[in-house]
Amino acid sequence: IEKIWEKCNMNNISPELFHSIRGGE
């Protein structure tokens, strides 16, 4: 998620749409 926000133009997109998950869970 952090890399997506670094690489993409995320203007007008709410960070609240993103949900963190973990491998194996």
PDBML (XML) file of the C-alpha atoms, coordinates in Angstrom:
<?xml version="1.0" encoding="UTF-8" ?>
<PDBx:datablock datablockName="MODEL"
   xmlns:PDBx="http://pdbml.pdb.org/schema/pdbx-v50.xsd"
   xmlns:xsi="http://www.w3.org/2001/XMLSchema-instance"
   xsi:schemaLocation="http://pdbml.pdb.org/schema/pdbx-v50.xsd pdbx-v50.xsd">
   <PDBx:atom_siteCategory>
      <PDBx:atom_site id="1">
         <PDBx:B_iso_or_equiv>0.00</PDBx:B_iso_or_equiv>
         <PDBx:Cartn_x>0.000</PDBx:Cartn_x>
         <PDBx:Cartn_y>0.000</PDBx:Cartn_y>
         <PDBx:Cartn_z>0.000</PDBx:Cartn_z>
         <PDBx:auth_asym_id>A</PDBx:auth_asym_id>
         <PDBx:auth_atom_id>CA</PDBx:auth_atom_id>
         <PDBx:auth_comp_id>ILE</PDBx:auth_comp_id>
         <PDBx:auth_seq_id>1</PDBx:auth_seq_id>
         <PDBx:group_PDB>ATOM</PDBx:group_PDB>
         <PDBx:label_alt_id xsi:nil="true" />
         <PDBx:label_asym_id>A</PDBx:label_asym_id>
         <PDBx:label_atom_id>CA</PDBx:label_atom_id>
         <PDBx:label_comp_id>ILE</PDBx:label_comp_id>
         <PDBx:label_entity_id>1</PDBx:label_entity_id>
         <PDBx:label_seq_id>1</PDBx:label_seq_id>
         <PDBx:occupancy>1.00</PDBx:occupancy>
         <PDBx:pdbx_PDB_model_num>1</PDBx:pdbx_PDB_model_num>
         <PDBx:type_symbol>C</PDBx:type_symbol>
      </PDBx:atom_site>
      <PDBx:atom_site id="2">
         <PDBx:B_iso_or_equiv>0.00</PDBx:B_iso_or_equiv>
         <PDBx:Cartn_x>2.801</PDBx:Cartn_x>
         <PDBx:Cartn_y>2.421</PDBx:Cartn_y>
         <PDBx:Cartn_z>0.871</PDBx:Cartn_z>
         <PDBx:auth_asym_id>A</PDBx:auth_asym_id>
         <PDBx:auth_atom_id>CA</PDBx:auth_atom_id>
         <PDBx:auth_comp_id>GLU</PDBx:auth_comp_id>
         <PDBx:auth_seq_id>2</PDBx:auth_seq_id>
         <PDBx:group_PDB>ATOM</PDBx:group_PDB>
         <PDBx:label_alt_id xsi:nil="true" />
         <PDBx:label_asym_id>A</PDBx:label_asym_id>
         <PDBx:label_atom_id>CA</PDBx:label_atom_id>
         <PDBx:label_comp_id>GLU</PDBx:label_comp_id>
         <PDBx:label_entity_id>1</PDBx:label_entity_id>
         <PDBx:label_seq_id>2</PDBx:label_seq_id>
         <PDBx:occupancy>1.00</PDBx:occupancy>
         <PDBx:pdbx_PDB_model_num>1</PDBx:pdbx_PDB_model_num>
         <PDBx:type_symbol>C</PDBx:type_symbol>
      </PDBx:atom_site>
      <PDBx:atom_site id="3">
         <PDBx:B_iso_or_equiv>0.00</PDBx:B_iso_or_equiv>
         <PDBx:Cartn_x>4.490</PDBx:Cartn_x>
         <PDBx:Cartn_y>1.742</PDBx:Cartn_y>
         <PDBx:Cartn_z>-2.477</PDBx:Cartn_z>
         <PDBx:auth_asym_id>A</PDBx:auth_asym_id>
         <PDBx:auth_atom_id>CA</PDBx:auth_atom_id>
         <PDBx:auth_comp_id>LYS</PDBx:auth_comp_id>
         <PDBx:auth_seq_id>3</PDBx:auth_seq_id>
         <PDBx:group_PDB>ATOM</PDBx:group_PDB>
         <PDBx:label_alt_id xsi:nil="true" />
         <PDBx:label_asym_id>A</PDBx:label_asym_id>
         <PDBx:label_atom_id>CA</PDBx:label_atom_id>
         <PDBx:label_comp_id>LYS</PDBx:label_comp_id>
         <PDBx:label_entity_id>1</PDBx:label_entity_id>
         <PDBx:label_seq_id>3</PDBx:label_seq_id>
         <PDBx:occupancy>1.00</PDBx:occupancy>
         <PDBx:pdbx_PDB_model_num>1</PDBx:pdbx_PDB_model_num>
         <PDBx:type_symbol>C</PDBx:type_symbol>
      </PDBx:atom_site>
      <PDBx:atom_site id="4">
         <PDBx:B_iso_or_equiv>0.00</PDBx:B_iso_or_equiv>
         <PDBx:Cartn_x>1.227</PDBx:Cartn_x>
         <PDBx:Cartn_y>2.249</PDBx:Cartn_y>
         <PDBx:Cartn_z>-4.369</PDBx:Cartn_z>
         <PDBx:auth_asym_id>A</PDBx:auth_asym_id>
         <PDBx:auth_atom_id>CA</PDBx:auth_atom_id>
         <PDBx:auth_comp_id>ILE</PDBx:auth_comp_id>
         <PDBx:auth_seq_id>4</PDBx:auth_seq_id>
         <PDBx:group_PDB>ATOM</PDBx:group_PDB>
         <PDBx:label_alt_id xsi:nil="true" />
         <PDBx:label_asym_id>A</PDBx:label_asym_id>
         <PDBx:label_atom_id>CA</PDBx:label_atom_id>
         <PDBx:label_comp_id>ILE</PDBx:label_comp_id>
         <PDBx:label_entity_id>1</PDBx:label_entity_id>
         <PDBx:label_seq_id>4</PDBx:label_seq_id>
         <PDBx:occupancy>1.00</PDBx:occupancy>
         <PDBx:pdbx_PDB_model_num>1</PDBx:pdbx_PDB_model_num>
         <PDBx:type_symbol>C</PDBx:type_symbol>
      </PDBx:atom_site>
      <PDBx:atom_site id="5">
         <PDBx:B_iso_or_equiv>0.00</PDBx:B_iso_or_equiv>
         <PDBx:Cartn_x>0.859</PDBx:Cartn_x>
         <PDBx:Cartn_y>5.696</PDBx:Cartn_y>
         <PDBx:Cartn_z>-2.849</PDBx:Cartn_z>
         <PDBx:auth_asym_id>A</PDBx:auth_asym_id>
         <PDBx:auth_atom_id>CA</PDBx:auth_atom_id>
         <PDBx:auth_comp_id>TRP</PDBx:auth_comp_id>
         <PDBx:auth_seq_id>5</PDBx:auth_seq_id>
         <PDBx:group_PDB>ATOM</PDBx:group_PDB>
         <PDBx:label_alt_id xsi:nil="true" />
         <PDBx:label_asym_id>A</PDBx:label_asym_id>
         <PDBx:label_atom_id>CA</PDBx:label_atom_id>
         <PDBx:label_comp_id>TRP</PDBx:label_comp_id>
         <PDBx:label_entity_id>1</PDBx:label_entity_id>
         <PDBx:label_seq_id>5</PDBx:label_seq_id>
         <PDBx:occupancy>1.00</PDBx:occupancy>
         <PDBx:pdbx_PDB_model_num>1</PDBx:pdbx_PDB_model_num>
         <PDBx:type_symbol>C</PDBx:type_symbol>
      </PDBx:atom_site>
      <PDBx:atom_site id="6">
         <PDBx:B_iso_or_equiv>0.00</PDBx:B_iso_or_equiv>
         <PDBx:Cartn_x>4.464</PDBx:Cartn_x>
         <PDBx:Cartn_y>6.489</PDBx:Cartn_y>
         <PDBx:Cartn_z>-3.751</PDBx:Cartn_z>
         <PDBx:auth_asym_id>A</PDBx:auth_asym_id>
         <PDBx:auth_atom_id>CA</PDBx:auth_atom_id>
         <PDBx:auth_comp_id>GLU</PDBx:auth_comp_id>
         <PDBx:auth_seq_id>6</PDBx:auth_seq_id>
         <PDBx:group_PDB>ATOM</PDBx:group_PDB>
         <PDBx:label_alt_id xsi:nil="true" />
         <PDBx:label_asym_id>A</PDBx:label_asym_id>
         <PDBx:label_atom_id>CA</PDBx:label_atom_id>
         <PDBx:label_comp_id>GLU</PDBx:label_comp_id>
         <PDBx:label_entity_id>1</PDBx:label_entity_id>
         <PDBx:label_seq_id>6</PDBx:label_seq_id>
         <PDBx:occupancy>1.00</PDBx:occupancy>
         <PDBx:pdbx_PDB_model_num>1</PDBx:pdbx_PDB_model_num>
         <PDBx:type_symbol>C</PDBx:type_symbol>
      </PDBx:atom_site>
      <PDBx:atom_site id="7">
         <PDBx:B_iso_or_equiv>0.00</PDBx:B_iso_or_equiv>
         <PDBx:Cartn_x>4.246</PDBx:Cartn_x>
         <PDBx:Cartn_y>5.297</PDBx:Cartn_y>
         <PDBx:Cartn_z>-7.366</PDBx:Cartn_z>
         <PDBx:auth_asym_id>A</PDBx:auth_asym_id>
         <PDBx:auth_atom_id>CA</PDBx:auth_atom_id>
         <PDBx:auth_comp_id>LYS</PDBx:auth_comp_id>
         <PDBx:auth_seq_id>7</PDBx:auth_seq_id>
         <PDBx:group_PDB>ATOM</PDBx:group_PDB>
         <PDBx:label_alt_id xsi:nil="true" />
         <PDBx:label_asym_id>A</PDBx:label_asym_id>
         <PDBx:label_atom_id>CA</PDBx:label_atom_id>
         <PDBx:label_comp_id>LYS</PDBx:label_comp_id>
         <PDBx:label_entity_id>1</PDBx:label_entity_id>
         <PDBx:label_seq_id>7</PDBx:label_seq_id>
         <PDBx:occupancy>1.00</PDBx:occupancy>
         <PDBx:pdbx_PDB_model_num>1</PDBx:pdbx_PDB_model_num>
         <PDBx:type_symbol>C</PDBx:type_symbol>
      </PDBx:atom_site>
      <PDBx:atom_site id="8">
         <PDBx:B_iso_or_equiv>0.00</PDBx:B_iso_or_equiv>
         <PDBx:Cartn_x>0.735</PDBx:Cartn_x>
         <PDBx:Cartn_y>6.261</PDBx:Cartn_y>
         <PDBx:Cartn_z>-8.459</PDBx:Cartn_z>
         <PDBx:auth_asym_id>A</PDBx:auth_asym_id>
         <PDBx:auth_atom_id>CA</PDBx:auth_atom_id>
         <PDBx:auth_comp_id>CYS</PDBx:auth_comp_id>
         <PDBx:auth_seq_id>8</PDBx:auth_seq_id>
         <PDBx:group_PDB>ATOM</PDBx:group_PDB>
         <PDBx:label_alt_id xsi:nil="true" />
         <PDBx:label_asym_id>A</PDBx:label_asym_id>
         <PDBx:label_atom_id>CA</PDBx:label_atom_id>
         <PDBx:label_comp_id>CYS</PDBx:label_comp_id>
         <PDBx:label_entity_id>1</PDBx:label_entity_id>
         <PDBx:label_seq_id>8</PDBx:label_seq_id>
         <PDBx:occupancy>1.00</PDBx:occupancy>
         <PDBx:pdbx_PDB_model_num>1</PDBx:pdbx_PDB_model_num>
         <PDBx:type_symbol>C</PDBx:type_symbol>
      </PDBx:atom_site>
      <PDBx:atom_site id="9">
         <PDBx:B_iso_or_equiv>0.00</PDBx:B_iso_or_equiv>
         <PDBx:Cartn_x>-1.069</PDBx:Cartn_x>
         <PDBx:Cartn_y>9.566</PDBx:Cartn_y>
         <PDBx:Cartn_z>-8.818</PDBx:Cartn_z>
         <PDBx:auth_asym_id>A</PDBx:auth_asym_id>
         <PDBx:auth_atom_id>CA</PDBx:auth_atom_id>
         <PDBx:auth_comp_id>ASN</PDBx:auth_comp_id>
         <PDBx:auth_seq_id>9</PDBx:auth_seq_id>
         <PDBx:group_PDB>ATOM</PDBx:group_PDB>
         <PDBx:label_alt_id xsi:nil="true" />
         <PDBx:label_asym_id>A</PDBx:label_asym_id>
         <PDBx:label_atom_id>CA</PDBx:label_atom_id>
         <PDBx:label_comp_id>ASN</PDBx:label_comp_id>
         <PDBx:label_entity_id>1</PDBx:label_entity_id>
         <PDBx:label_seq_id>9</PDBx:label_seq_id>
         <PDBx:occupancy>1.00</PDBx:occupancy>
         <PDBx:pdbx_PDB_model_num>1</PDBx:pdbx_PDB_model_num>
         <PDBx:type_symbol>C</PDBx:type_symbol>
      </PDBx:atom_site>
      <PDBx:atom_site id="10">
         <PDBx:B_iso_or_equiv>0.00</PDBx:B_iso_or_equiv>
         <PDBx:Cartn_x>-3.572</PDBx:Cartn_x>
         <PDBx:Cartn_y>9.104</PDBx:Cartn_y>
         <PDBx:Cartn_z>-6.025</PDBx:Cartn_z>
         <PDBx:auth_asym_id>A</PDBx:auth_asym_id>
         <PDBx:auth_atom_id>CA</PDBx:auth_atom_id>
         <PDBx:auth_comp_id>MET</PDBx:auth_comp_id>
         <PDBx:auth_seq_id>10</PDBx:auth_seq_id>
         <PDBx:group_PDB>ATOM</PDBx:group_PDB>
         <PDBx:label_alt_id xsi:nil="true" />
         <PDBx:label_asym_id>A</PDBx:label_asym_id>
         <PDBx:label_atom_id>CA</PDBx:label_atom_id>
         <PDBx:label_comp_id>MET</PDBx:label_comp_id>
         <PDBx:label_entity_id>1</PDBx:label_entity_id>
         <PDBx:label_seq_id>10</PDBx:label_seq_id>
         <PDBx:occupancy>1.00</PDBx:occupancy>
         <PDBx:pdbx_PDB_model_num>1</PDBx:pdbx_PDB_model_num>
         <PDBx:type_symbol>C</PDBx:type_symbol>
      </PDBx:atom_site>
      <PDBx:atom_site id="11">
         <PDBx:B_iso_or_equiv>0.00</PDBx:B_iso_or_equiv>
         <PDBx:Cartn_x>-5.172</PDBx:Cartn_x>
         <PDBx:Cartn_y>12.554</PDBx:Cartn_y>
         <PDBx:Cartn_z>-6.168</PDBx:Cartn_z>
         <PDBx:auth_asym_id>A</PDBx:auth_asym_id>
         <PDBx:auth_atom_id>CA</PDBx:auth_atom_id>
         <PDBx:auth_comp_id>ASN</PDBx:auth_comp_id>
         <PDBx:auth_seq_id>11</PDBx:auth_seq_id>
         <PDBx:group_PDB>ATOM</PDBx:group_PDB>
         <PDBx:label_alt_id xsi:nil="true" />
         <PDBx:label_asym_id>A</PDBx:label_asym_id>
         <PDBx:label_atom_id>CA</PDBx:label_atom_id>
         <PDBx:label_comp_id>ASN</PDBx:label_comp_id>
         <PDBx:label_entity_id>1</PDBx:label_entity_id>
         <PDBx:label_seq_id>11</PDBx:label_seq_id>
         <PDBx:occupancy>1.00</PDBx:occupancy>
         <PDBx:pdbx_PDB_model_num>1</PDBx:pdbx_PDB_model_num>
         <PDBx:type_symbol>C</PDBx:type_symbol>
      </PDBx:atom_site>
      <PDBx:atom_site id="12">
         <PDBx:B_iso_or_equiv>0.00</PDBx:B_iso_or_equiv>
         <PDBx:Cartn_x>-8.842</PDBx:Cartn_x>
         <PDBx:Cartn_y>12.529</PDBx:Cartn_y>
         <PDBx:Cartn_z>-5.135</PDBx:Cartn_z>
         <PDBx:auth_asym_id>A</PDBx:auth_asym_id>
         <PDBx:auth_atom_id>CA</PDBx:auth_atom_id>
         <PDBx:auth_comp_id>ASN</PDBx:auth_comp_id>
         <PDBx:auth_seq_id>12</PDBx:auth_seq_id>
         <PDBx:group_PDB>ATOM</PDBx:group_PDB>
         <PDBx:label_alt_id xsi:nil="true" />
         <PDBx:label_asym_id>A</PDBx:label_asym_id>
         <PDBx:label_atom_id>CA</PDBx:label_atom_id>
         <PDBx:label_comp_id>ASN</PDBx:label_comp_id>
         <PDBx:label_entity_id>1</PDBx:label_entity_id>
         <PDBx:label_seq_id>12</PDBx:label_seq_id>
         <PDBx:occupancy>1.00</PDBx:occupancy>
         <PDBx:pdbx_PDB_model_num>1</PDBx:pdbx_PDB_model_num>
         <PDBx:type_symbol>C</PDBx:type_symbol>
      </PDBx:atom_site>
      <PDBx:atom_site id="13">
         <PDBx:B_iso_or_equiv>0.00</PDBx:B_iso_or_equiv>
         <PDBx:Cartn_x>-8.586</PDBx:Cartn_x>
         <PDBx:Cartn_y>8.981</PDBx:Cartn_y>
         <PDBx:Cartn_z>-3.767</PDBx:Cartn_z>
         <PDBx:auth_asym_id>A</PDBx:auth_asym_id>
         <PDBx:auth_atom_id>CA</PDBx:auth_atom_id>
         <PDBx:auth_comp_id>ILE</PDBx:auth_comp_id>
         <PDBx:auth_seq_id>13</PDBx:auth_seq_id>
         <PDBx:group_PDB>ATOM</PDBx:group_PDB>
         <PDBx:label_alt_id xsi:nil="true" />
         <PDBx:label_asym_id>A</PDBx:label_asym_id>
         <PDBx:label_atom_id>CA</PDBx:label_atom_id>
         <PDBx:label_comp_id>ILE</PDBx:label_comp_id>
         <PDBx:label_entity_id>1</PDBx:label_entity_id>
         <PDBx:label_seq_id>13</PDBx:label_seq_id>
         <PDBx:occupancy>1.00</PDBx:occupancy>
         <PDBx:pdbx_PDB_model_num>1</PDBx:pdbx_PDB_model_num>
         <PDBx:type_symbol>C</PDBx:type_symbol>
      </PDBx:atom_site>
      <PDBx:atom_site id="14">
         <PDBx:B_iso_or_equiv>0.00</PDBx:B_iso_or_equiv>
         <PDBx:Cartn_x>-9.328</PDBx:Cartn_x>
         <PDBx:Cartn_y>8.345</PDBx:Cartn_y>
         <PDBx:Cartn_z>-0.101</PDBx:Cartn_z>
         <PDBx:auth_asym_id>A</PDBx:auth_asym_id>
         <PDBx:auth_atom_id>CA</PDBx:auth_atom_id>
         <PDBx:auth_comp_id>SER</PDBx:auth_comp_id>
         <PDBx:auth_seq_id>14</PDBx:auth_seq_id>
         <PDBx:group_PDB>ATOM</PDBx:group_PDB>
         <PDBx:label_alt_id xsi:nil="true" />
         <PDBx:label_asym_id>A</PDBx:label_asym_id>
         <PDBx:label_atom_id>CA</PDBx:label_atom_id>
         <PDBx:label_comp_id>SER</PDBx:label_comp_id>
         <PDBx:label_entity_id>1</PDBx:label_entity_id>
         <PDBx:label_seq_id>14</PDBx:label_seq_id>
         <PDBx:occupancy>1.00</PDBx:occupancy>
         <PDBx:pdbx_PDB_model_num>1</PDBx:pdbx_PDB_model_num>
         <PDBx:type_symbol>C</PDBx:type_symbol>
      </PDBx:atom_site>
      <PDBx:atom_site id="15">
         <PDBx:B_iso_or_equiv>0.00</PDBx:B_iso_or_equiv>
         <PDBx:Cartn_x>-6.720</PDBx:Cartn_x>
         <PDBx:Cartn_y>6.439</PDBx:Cartn_y>
         <PDBx:Cartn_z>1.920</PDBx:Cartn_z>
         <PDBx:auth_asym_id>A</PDBx:auth_asym_id>
         <PDBx:auth_atom_id>CA</PDBx:auth_atom_id>
         <PDBx:auth_comp_id>PRO</PDBx:auth_comp_id>
         <PDBx:auth_seq_id>15</PDBx:auth_seq_id>
         <PDBx:group_PDB>ATOM</PDBx:group_PDB>
         <PDBx:label_alt_id xsi:nil="true" />
         <PDBx:label_asym_id>A</PDBx:label_asym_id>
         <PDBx:label_atom_id>CA</PDBx:label_atom_id>
         <PDBx:label_comp_id>PRO</PDBx:label_comp_id>
         <PDBx:label_entity_id>1</PDBx:label_entity_id>
         <PDBx:label_seq_id>15</PDBx:label_seq_id>
         <PDBx:occupancy>1.00</PDBx:occupancy>
         <PDBx:pdbx_PDB_model_num>1</PDBx:pdbx_PDB_model_num>
         <PDBx:type_symbol>C</PDBx:type_symbol>
      </PDBx:atom_site>
      <PDBx:atom_site id="16">
         <PDBx:B_iso_or_equiv>0.00</PDBx:B_iso_or_equiv>
         <PDBx:Cartn_x>-9.654</PDBx:Cartn_x>
         <PDBx:Cartn_y>4.882</PDBx:Cartn_y>
         <PDBx:Cartn_z>3.751</PDBx:Cartn_z>
         <PDBx:auth_asym_id>A</PDBx:auth_asym_id>
         <PDBx:auth_atom_id>CA</PDBx:auth_atom_id>
         <PDBx:auth_comp_id>GLU</PDBx:auth_comp_id>
         <PDBx:auth_seq_id>16</PDBx:auth_seq_id>
         <PDBx:group_PDB>ATOM</PDBx:group_PDB>
         <PDBx:label_alt_id xsi:nil="true" />
         <PDBx:label_asym_id>A</PDBx:label_asym_id>
         <PDBx:label_atom_id>CA</PDBx:label_atom_id>
         <PDBx:label_comp_id>GLU</PDBx:label_comp_id>
         <PDBx:label_entity_id>1</PDBx:label_entity_id>
         <PDBx:label_seq_id>16</PDBx:label_seq_id>
         <PDBx:occupancy>1.00</PDBx:occupancy>
         <PDBx:pdbx_PDB_model_num>1</PDBx:pdbx_PDB_model_num>
         <PDBx:type_symbol>C</PDBx:type_symbol>
      </PDBx:atom_site>
      <PDBx:atom_site id="17">
         <PDBx:B_iso_or_equiv>0.00</PDBx:B_iso_or_equiv>
         <PDBx:Cartn_x>-10.284</PDBx:Cartn_x>
         <PDBx:Cartn_y>2.643</PDBx:Cartn_y>
         <PDBx:Cartn_z>0.746</PDBx:Cartn_z>
         <PDBx:auth_asym_id>A</PDBx:auth_asym_id>
         <PDBx:auth_atom_id>CA</PDBx:auth_atom_id>
         <PDBx:auth_comp_id>LEU</PDBx:auth_comp_id>
         <PDBx:auth_seq_id>17</PDBx:auth_seq_id>
         <PDBx:group_PDB>ATOM</PDBx:group_PDB>
         <PDBx:label_alt_id xsi:nil="true" />
         <PDBx:label_asym_id>A</PDBx:label_asym_id>
         <PDBx:label_atom_id>CA</PDBx:label_atom_id>
         <PDBx:label_comp_id>LEU</PDBx:label_comp_id>
         <PDBx:label_entity_id>1</PDBx:label_entity_id>
         <PDBx:label_seq_id>17</PDBx:label_seq_id>
         <PDBx:occupancy>1.00</PDBx:occupancy>
         <PDBx:pdbx_PDB_model_num>1</PDBx:pdbx_PDB_model_num>
         <PDBx:type_symbol>C</PDBx:type_symbol>
      </PDBx:atom_site>
      <PDBx:atom_site id="18">
         <PDBx:B_iso_or_equiv>0.00</PDBx:B_iso_or_equiv>
         <PDBx:Cartn_x>-7.086</PDBx:Cartn_x>
         <PDBx:Cartn_y>0.726</PDBx:Cartn_y>
         <PDBx:Cartn_z>1.517</PDBx:Cartn_z>
         <PDBx:auth_asym_id>A</PDBx:auth_asym_id>
         <PDBx:auth_atom_id>CA</PDBx:auth_atom_id>
         <PDBx:auth_comp_id>PHE</PDBx:auth_comp_id>
         <PDBx:auth_seq_id>18</PDBx:auth_seq_id>
         <PDBx:group_PDB>ATOM</PDBx:group_PDB>
         <PDBx:label_alt_id xsi:nil="true" />
         <PDBx:label_asym_id>A</PDBx:label_asym_id>
         <PDBx:label_atom_id>CA</PDBx:label_atom_id>
         <PDBx:label_comp_id>PHE</PDBx:label_comp_id>
         <PDBx:label_entity_id>1</PDBx:label_entity_id>
         <PDBx:label_seq_id>18</PDBx:label_seq_id>
         <PDBx:occupancy>1.00</PDBx:occupancy>
         <PDBx:pdbx_PDB_model_num>1</PDBx:pdbx_PDB_model_num>
         <PDBx:type_symbol>C</PDBx:type_symbol>
      </PDBx:atom_site>
      <PDBx:atom_site id="19">
         <PDBx:B_iso_or_equiv>0.00</PDBx:B_iso_or_equiv>
         <PDBx:Cartn_x>-7.085</PDBx:Cartn_x>
         <PDBx:Cartn_y>-2.178</PDBx:Cartn_y>
         <PDBx:Cartn_z>3.948</PDBx:Cartn_z>
         <PDBx:auth_asym_id>A</PDBx:auth_asym_id>
         <PDBx:auth_atom_id>CA</PDBx:auth_atom_id>
         <PDBx:auth_comp_id>HIS</PDBx:auth_comp_id>
         <PDBx:auth_seq_id>19</PDBx:auth_seq_id>
         <PDBx:group_PDB>ATOM</PDBx:group_PDB>
         <PDBx:label_alt_id xsi:nil="true" />
         <PDBx:label_asym_id>A</PDBx:label_asym_id>
         <PDBx:label_atom_id>CA</PDBx:label_atom_id>
         <PDBx:label_comp_id>HIS</PDBx:label_comp_id>
         <PDBx:label_entity_id>1</PDBx:label_entity_id>
         <PDBx:label_seq_id>19</PDBx:label_seq_id>
         <PDBx:occupancy>1.00</PDBx:occupancy>
         <PDBx:pdbx_PDB_model_num>1</PDBx:pdbx_PDB_model_num>
         <PDBx:type_symbol>C</PDBx:type_symbol>
      </PDBx:atom_site>
      <PDBx:atom_site id="20">
         <PDBx:B_iso_or_equiv>0.00</PDBx:B_iso_or_equiv>
         <PDBx:Cartn_x>-3.857</PDBx:Cartn_x>
         <PDBx:Cartn_y>-3.765</PDBx:Cartn_y>
         <PDBx:Cartn_z>5.147</PDBx:Cartn_z>
         <PDBx:auth_asym_id>A</PDBx:auth_asym_id>
         <PDBx:auth_atom_id>CA</PDBx:auth_atom_id>
         <PDBx:auth_comp_id>SER</PDBx:auth_comp_id>
         <PDBx:auth_seq_id>20</PDBx:auth_seq_id>
         <PDBx:group_PDB>ATOM</PDBx:group_PDB>
         <PDBx:label_alt_id xsi:nil="true" />
         <PDBx:label_asym_id>A</PDBx:label_asym_id>
         <PDBx:label_atom_id>CA</PDBx:label_atom_id>
         <PDBx:label_comp_id>SER</PDBx:label_comp_id>
         <PDBx:label_entity_id>1</PDBx:label_entity_id>
         <PDBx:label_seq_id>20</PDBx:label_seq_id>
         <PDBx:occupancy>1.00</PDBx:occupancy>
         <PDBx:pdbx_PDB_model_num>1</PDBx:pdbx_PDB_model_num>
         <PDBx:type_symbol>C</PDBx:type_symbol>
      </PDBx:atom_site>
      <PDBx:atom_site id="21">
         <PDBx:B_iso_or_equiv>0.00</PDBx:B_iso_or_equiv>
         <PDBx:Cartn_x>-3.601</PDBx:Cartn_x>
         <PDBx:Cartn_y>-7.550</PDBx:Cartn_y>
         <PDBx:Cartn_z>5.086</PDBx:Cartn_z>
         <PDBx:auth_asym_id>A</PDBx:auth_asym_id>
         <PDBx:auth_atom_id>CA</PDBx:auth_atom_id>
         <PDBx:auth_comp_id>ILE</PDBx:auth_comp_id>
         <PDBx:auth_seq_id>21</PDBx:auth_seq_id>
         <PDBx:group_PDB>ATOM</PDBx:group_PDB>
         <PDBx:label_alt_id xsi:nil="true" />
         <PDBx:label_asym_id>A</PDBx:label_asym_id>
         <PDBx:label_atom_id>CA</PDBx:label_atom_id>
         <PDBx:label_comp_id>ILE</PDBx:label_comp_id>
         <PDBx:label_entity_id>1</PDBx:label_entity_id>
         <PDBx:label_seq_id>21</PDBx:label_seq_id>
         <PDBx:occupancy>1.00</PDBx:occupancy>
         <PDBx:pdbx_PDB_model_num>1</PDBx:pdbx_PDB_model_num>
         <PDBx:type_symbol>C</PDBx:type_symbol>
      </PDBx:atom_site>
      <PDBx:atom_site id="22">
         <PDBx:B_iso_or_equiv>0.00</PDBx:B_iso_or_equiv>
         <PDBx:Cartn_x>-0.766</PDBx:Cartn_x>
         <PDBx:Cartn_y>-9.947</PDBx:Cartn_y>
         <PDBx:Cartn_z>5.935</PDBx:Cartn_z>
         <PDBx:auth_asym_id>A</PDBx:auth_asym_id>
         <PDBx:auth_atom_id>CA</PDBx:auth_atom_id>
         <PDBx:auth_comp_id>ARG</PDBx:auth_comp_id>
         <PDBx:auth_seq_id>22</PDBx:auth_seq_id>
         <PDBx:group_PDB>ATOM</PDBx:group_PDB>
         <PDBx:label_alt_id xsi:nil="true" />
         <PDBx:label_asym_id>A</PDBx:label_asym_id>
         <PDBx:label_atom_id>CA</PDBx:label_atom_id>
         <PDBx:label_comp_id>ARG</PDBx:label_comp_id>
         <PDBx:label_entity_id>1</PDBx:label_entity_id>
         <PDBx:label_seq_id>22</PDBx:label_seq_id>
         <PDBx:occupancy>1.00</PDBx:occupancy>
         <PDBx:pdbx_PDB_model_num>1</PDBx:pdbx_PDB_model_num>
         <PDBx:type_symbol>C</PDBx:type_symbol>
      </PDBx:atom_site>
      <PDBx:atom_site id="23">
         <PDBx:B_iso_or_equiv>0.00</PDBx:B_iso_or_equiv>
         <PDBx:Cartn_x>0.588</PDBx:Cartn_x>
         <PDBx:Cartn_y>-12.969</PDBx:Cartn_y>
         <PDBx:Cartn_z>4.131</PDBx:Cartn_z>
         <PDBx:auth_asym_id>A</PDBx:auth_asym_id>
         <PDBx:auth_atom_id>CA</PDBx:auth_atom_id>
         <PDBx:auth_comp_id>GLY</PDBx:auth_comp_id>
         <PDBx:auth_seq_id>23</PDBx:auth_seq_id>
         <PDBx:group_PDB>ATOM</PDBx:group_PDB>
         <PDBx:label_alt_id xsi:nil="true" />
         <PDBx:label_asym_id>A</PDBx:label_asym_id>
         <PDBx:label_atom_id>CA</PDBx:label_atom_id>
         <PDBx:label_comp_id>GLY</PDBx:label_comp_id>
         <PDBx:label_entity_id>1</PDBx:label_entity_id>
         <PDBx:label_seq_id>23</PDBx:label_seq_id>
         <PDBx:occupancy>1.00</PDBx:occupancy>
         <PDBx:pdbx_PDB_model_num>1</PDBx:pdbx_PDB_model_num>
         <PDBx:type_symbol>C</PDBx:type_symbol>
      </PDBx:atom_site>
      <PDBx:atom_site id="24">
         <PDBx:B_iso_or_equiv>0.00</PDBx:B_iso_or_equiv>
         <PDBx:Cartn_x>-0.591</PDBx:Cartn_x>
         <PDBx:Cartn_y>-16.176</PDBx:Cartn_y>
         <PDBx:Cartn_z>5.740</PDBx:Cartn_z>
         <PDBx:auth_asym_id>A</PDBx:auth_asym_id>
         <PDBx:auth_atom_id>CA</PDBx:auth_atom_id>
         <PDBx:auth_comp_id>GLY</PDBx:auth_comp_id>
         <PDBx:auth_seq_id>24</PDBx:auth_seq_id>
         <PDBx:group_PDB>ATOM</PDBx:group_PDB>
         <PDBx:label_alt_id xsi:nil="true" />
         <PDBx:label_asym_id>A</PDBx:label_asym_id>
         <PDBx:label_atom_id>CA</PDBx:label_atom_id>
         <PDBx:label_comp_id>GLY</PDBx:label_comp_id>
         <PDBx:label_entity_id>1</PDBx:label_entity_id>
         <PDBx:label_seq_id>24</PDBx:label_seq_id>
         <PDBx:occupancy>1.00</PDBx:occupancy>
         <PDBx:pdbx_PDB_model_num>1</PDBx:pdbx_PDB_model_num>
         <PDBx:type_symbol>C</PDBx:type_symbol>
      </PDBx:atom_site>
      <PDBx:atom_site id="25">
         <PDBx:B_iso_or_equiv>0.00</PDBx:B_iso_or_equiv>
         <PDBx:Cartn_x>-3.560</PDBx:Cartn_x>
         <PDBx:Cartn_y>-14.564</PDBx:Cartn_y>
         <PDBx:Cartn_z>7.537</PDBx:Cartn_z>
         <PDBx:auth_asym_id>A</PDBx:auth_asym_id>
         <PDBx:auth_atom_id>CA</PDBx:auth_atom_id>
         <PDBx:auth_comp_id>GLU</PDBx:auth_comp_id>
         <PDBx:auth_seq_id>25</PDBx:auth_seq_id>
         <PDBx:group_PDB>ATOM</PDBx:group_PDB>
         <PDBx:label_alt_id xsi:nil="true" />
         <PDBx:label_asym_id>A</PDBx:label_asym_id>
         <PDBx:label_atom_id>CA</PDBx:label_atom_id>
         <PDBx:label_comp_id>GLU</PDBx:label_comp_id>
         <PDBx:label_entity_id>1</PDBx:label_entity_id>
         <PDBx:label_seq_id>25</PDBx:label_seq_id>
         <PDBx:occupancy>1.00</PDBx:occupancy>
         <PDBx:pdbx_PDB_model_num>1</PDBx:pdbx_PDB_model_num>
         <PDBx:type_symbol>C</PDBx:type_symbol>
      </PDBx:atom_site>
   </PDBx:atom_siteCategory>
</PDBx:datablock>
